[in-house]
Amino acid sequence: MKKTESFDLSRKLKRKREQIDSIDRRILILLNQRIRTGMELGKIKEEMGKKIYDPQRETKVLKKLRRGNRGPLIDKDLEKIFRTIIRVCRKSQKGDQS
């Protein structure tokens, strides 16, 4: 590989890593927004005397996400990611921040 090709590839790599860093920051902001909204939702559920865990709602959320998924993320991995997000949000609704 020529020196100029190596330099160009290094620049491309750096730009892609910067893109990933930017995306990660946006994902972090959105995750924290989702947690805050979940905490508010938990308070409303508590006032209404409803349970935090609603398996039917979780199924609907996952189904809607799968329908909207255009890839390249495969549905199996999409579900793993969102089941984790939902579990963490459910935990925050209970007031458990440990």
C-alpha atoms as a PDB file:
ATOM      1  CA  MET A   1       0.000   0.000   0.000  1.00  0.00           C
ATOM      2  CA  LYS A   2       1.287   3.413  -0.936  1.00  0.00           C
ATOM      3  CA  LYS A   3       1.837   6.106   1.655  1.00  0.00           C
ATOM      4  CA  THR A   4      -0.923   8.326   0.170  1.00  0.00           C
ATOM      5  CA  GLU A   5      -3.410   5.430   0.181  1.00  0.00           C
ATOM      6  CA  SER A   6      -2.551   4.697   3.791  1.00  0.00           C
ATOM      7  CA  PHE A   7      -2.971   8.370   4.699  1.00  0.00           C
ATOM      8  CA  ASP A   8      -6.362   8.525   2.927  1.00  0.00           C
ATOM      9  CA  LEU A   9      -7.550   5.404   4.710  1.00  0.00           C
ATOM     10  CA  SER A  10      -6.397   6.791   8.055  1.00  0.00           C
ATOM     11  CA  ARG A  11      -8.383   9.977   7.408  1.00  0.00           C
ATOM     12  CA  LYS A  12     -11.460   7.961   6.433  1.00  0.00           C
ATOM     13  CA  LEU A  13     -11.105   5.859   9.566  1.00  0.00           C
ATOM     14  CA  LYS A  14     -10.814   8.981  11.716  1.00  0.00           C
ATOM     15  CA  ARG A  15     -13.934  10.517  10.109  1.00  0.00           C
ATOM     16  CA  LYS A  16     -15.956   7.337  10.607  1.00  0.00           C
ATOM     17  CA  ARG A  17     -14.888   7.138  14.251  1.00  0.00           C
ATOM     18  CA  GLU A  18     -15.934  10.749  14.722  1.00  0.00           C
ATOM     19  CA  GLN A  19     -19.305   9.886  13.191  1.00  0.00           C
ATOM     20  CA  ILE A  20     -19.691   6.963  15.590  1.00  0.00           C
ATOM     21  CA  ASP A  21     -18.793   9.221  18.547  1.00  0.00           C
ATOM     22  CA  SER A  22     -21.418  11.743  17.444  1.00  0.00           C
ATOM     23  CA  ILE A  23     -24.063   9.046  17.045  1.00  0.00           C
ATOM     24  CA  ASP A  24     -23.186   7.626  20.475  1.00  0.00           C
ATOM     25  CA  ARG A  25     -23.659  11.055  22.071  1.00  0.00           C
ATOM     26  CA  ARG A  26     -27.099  11.394  20.443  1.00  0.00           C
ATOM     27  CA  ILE A  27     -28.086   7.879  21.542  1.00  0.00           C
ATOM     28  CA  LEU A  28     -27.041   8.744  25.110  1.00  0.00           C
ATOM     29  CA  ILE A  29     -29.192  11.882  25.077  1.00  0.00           C
ATOM     30  CA  LEU A  30     -32.176   9.901  23.768  1.00  0.00           C
ATOM     31  CA  LEU A  31     -31.707   7.098  26.301  1.00  0.00           C
ATOM     32  CA  ASN A  32     -31.699   9.601  29.150  1.00  0.00           C
ATOM     33  CA  GLN A  33     -34.841  11.241  27.737  1.00  0.00           C
ATOM     34  CA  ARG A  34     -36.493   7.827  27.598  1.00  0.00           C
ATOM     35  CA  ILE A  35     -35.507   7.090  31.211  1.00  0.00           C
ATOM     36  CA  ARG A  36     -36.885  10.453  32.409  1.00  0.00           C
ATOM     37  CA  THR A  37     -40.132   9.863  30.530  1.00  0.00           C
ATOM     38  CA  GLY A  38     -40.330   6.364  31.990  1.00  0.00           C
ATOM     39  CA  MET A  39     -39.888   7.747  35.490  1.00  0.00           C
ATOM     40  CA  GLU A  40     -42.756  10.172  34.892  1.00  0.00           C
ATOM     41  CA  LEU A  41     -44.827   7.311  33.494  1.00  0.00           C
ATOM     42  CA  GLY A  42     -44.093   5.274  36.620  1.00  0.00           C
ATOM     43  CA  LYS A  43     -45.460   8.057  38.823  1.00  0.00           C
ATOM     44  CA  ILE A  44     -48.641   8.235  36.754  1.00  0.00           C
ATOM     45  CA  LYS A  45     -49.080   4.451  36.911  1.00  0.00           C
ATOM     46  CA  GLU A  46     -48.568   4.563  40.682  1.00  0.00           C
ATOM     47  CA  GLU A  47     -51.234   7.262  41.059  1.00  0.00           C
ATOM     48  CA  MET A  48     -53.591   5.182  38.928  1.00  0.00           C
ATOM     49  CA  GLY A  49     -52.846   2.033  40.923  1.00  0.00           C
ATOM     50  CA  LYS A  50     -51.475   0.270  37.835  1.00  0.00           C
ATOM     51  CA  LYS A  51     -48.605  -2.200  37.738  1.00  0.00           C
ATOM     52  CA  ILE A  52     -45.298  -1.076  36.280  1.00  0.00           C
ATOM     53  CA  TYR A  53     -44.870  -4.184  34.119  1.00  0.00           C
ATOM     54  CA  ASP A  54     -47.307  -4.491  31.242  1.00  0.00           C
ATOM     55  CA  PRO A  55     -46.299  -7.459  29.068  1.00  0.00           C
ATOM     56  CA  GLN A  56     -48.928  -6.649  26.422  1.00  0.00           C
ATOM     57  CA  ARG A  57     -47.549  -3.127  26.024  1.00  0.00           C
ATOM     58  CA  GLU A  58     -43.997  -4.478  25.766  1.00  0.00           C
ATOM     59  CA  THR A  59     -45.103  -6.915  23.046  1.00  0.00           C
ATOM     60  CA  LYS A  60     -46.790  -4.084  21.118  1.00  0.00           C
ATOM     61  CA  VAL A  61     -43.695  -1.869  21.385  1.00  0.00           C
ATOM     62  CA  LEU A  62     -41.410  -4.623  20.095  1.00  0.00           C
ATOM     63  CA  LYS A  63     -43.807  -5.520  17.278  1.00  0.00           C
ATOM     64  CA  LYS A  64     -44.012  -1.887  16.176  1.00  0.00           C
ATOM     65  CA  LEU A  65     -40.209  -1.594  16.231  1.00  0.00           C
ATOM     66  CA  ARG A  66     -39.803  -4.757  14.142  1.00  0.00           C
ATOM     67  CA  ARG A  67     -42.295  -3.433  11.584  1.00  0.00           C
ATOM     68  CA  GLY A  68     -40.359  -0.171  11.312  1.00  0.00           C
ATOM     69  CA  ASN A  69     -36.946  -1.799  11.104  1.00  0.00           C
ATOM     70  CA  ARG A  70     -35.374  -1.395   7.674  1.00  0.00           C
ATOM     71  CA  GLY A  71     -31.992  -2.879   8.617  1.00  0.00           C
ATOM     72  CA  PRO A  72     -29.215  -3.646   8.482  1.00  0.00           C
ATOM     73  CA  LEU A  73     -30.027  -4.309  12.161  1.00  0.00           C
ATOM     74  CA  ILE A  74     -31.620  -7.762  12.297  1.00  0.00           C
ATOM     75  CA  ASP A  75     -34.835  -8.199  14.261  1.00  0.00           C
ATOM     76  CA  LYS A  76     -33.231 -10.591  16.762  1.00  0.00           C
ATOM     77  CA  ASP A  77     -30.627  -7.988  17.718  1.00  0.00           C
ATOM     78  CA  LEU A  78     -33.196  -5.181  17.653  1.00  0.00           C
ATOM     79  CA  GLU A  79     -35.244  -7.110  20.198  1.00  0.00           C
ATOM     80  CA  LYS A  80     -32.215  -7.767  22.427  1.00  0.00           C
ATOM     81  CA  ILE A  81     -31.351  -4.067  22.455  1.00  0.00           C
ATOM     82  CA  PHE A  82     -34.881  -2.880  23.131  1.00  0.00           C
ATOM     83  CA  ARG A  83     -35.654  -5.549  25.727  1.00  0.00           C
ATOM     84  CA  THR A  84     -32.640  -4.229  27.640  1.00  0.00           C
ATOM     85  CA  ILE A  85     -33.768  -0.611  27.205  1.00  0.00           C
ATOM     86  CA  ILE A  86     -37.299  -1.508  28.315  1.00  0.00           C
ATOM     87  CA  ARG A  87     -35.993  -3.457  31.337  1.00  0.00           C
ATOM     88  CA  VAL A  88     -33.814  -0.521  32.436  1.00  0.00           C
ATOM     89  CA  CYS A  89     -36.707   1.911  31.968  1.00  0.00           C
ATOM     90  CA  ARG A  90     -39.044  -0.370  33.921  1.00  0.00           C
ATOM     91  CA  LYS A  91     -36.484  -0.472  36.722  1.00  0.00           C
ATOM     92  CA  SER A  92     -36.364   3.351  36.754  1.00  0.00           C
ATOM     93  CA  GLN A  93     -40.162   3.483  36.965  1.00  0.00           C
ATOM     94  CA  LYS A  94     -39.904   1.552  40.189  1.00  0.00           C
ATOM     95  CA  GLY A  95     -37.500   4.198  41.484  1.00  0.00           C
ATOM     96  CA  ASP A  96     -34.562   1.775  41.465  1.00  0.00           C
ATOM     97  CA  GLN A  97     -31.566   3.780  40.192  1.00  0.00           C
ATOM     98  CA  SER A  98     -28.833   1.514  41.562  1.00  0.00           C
END
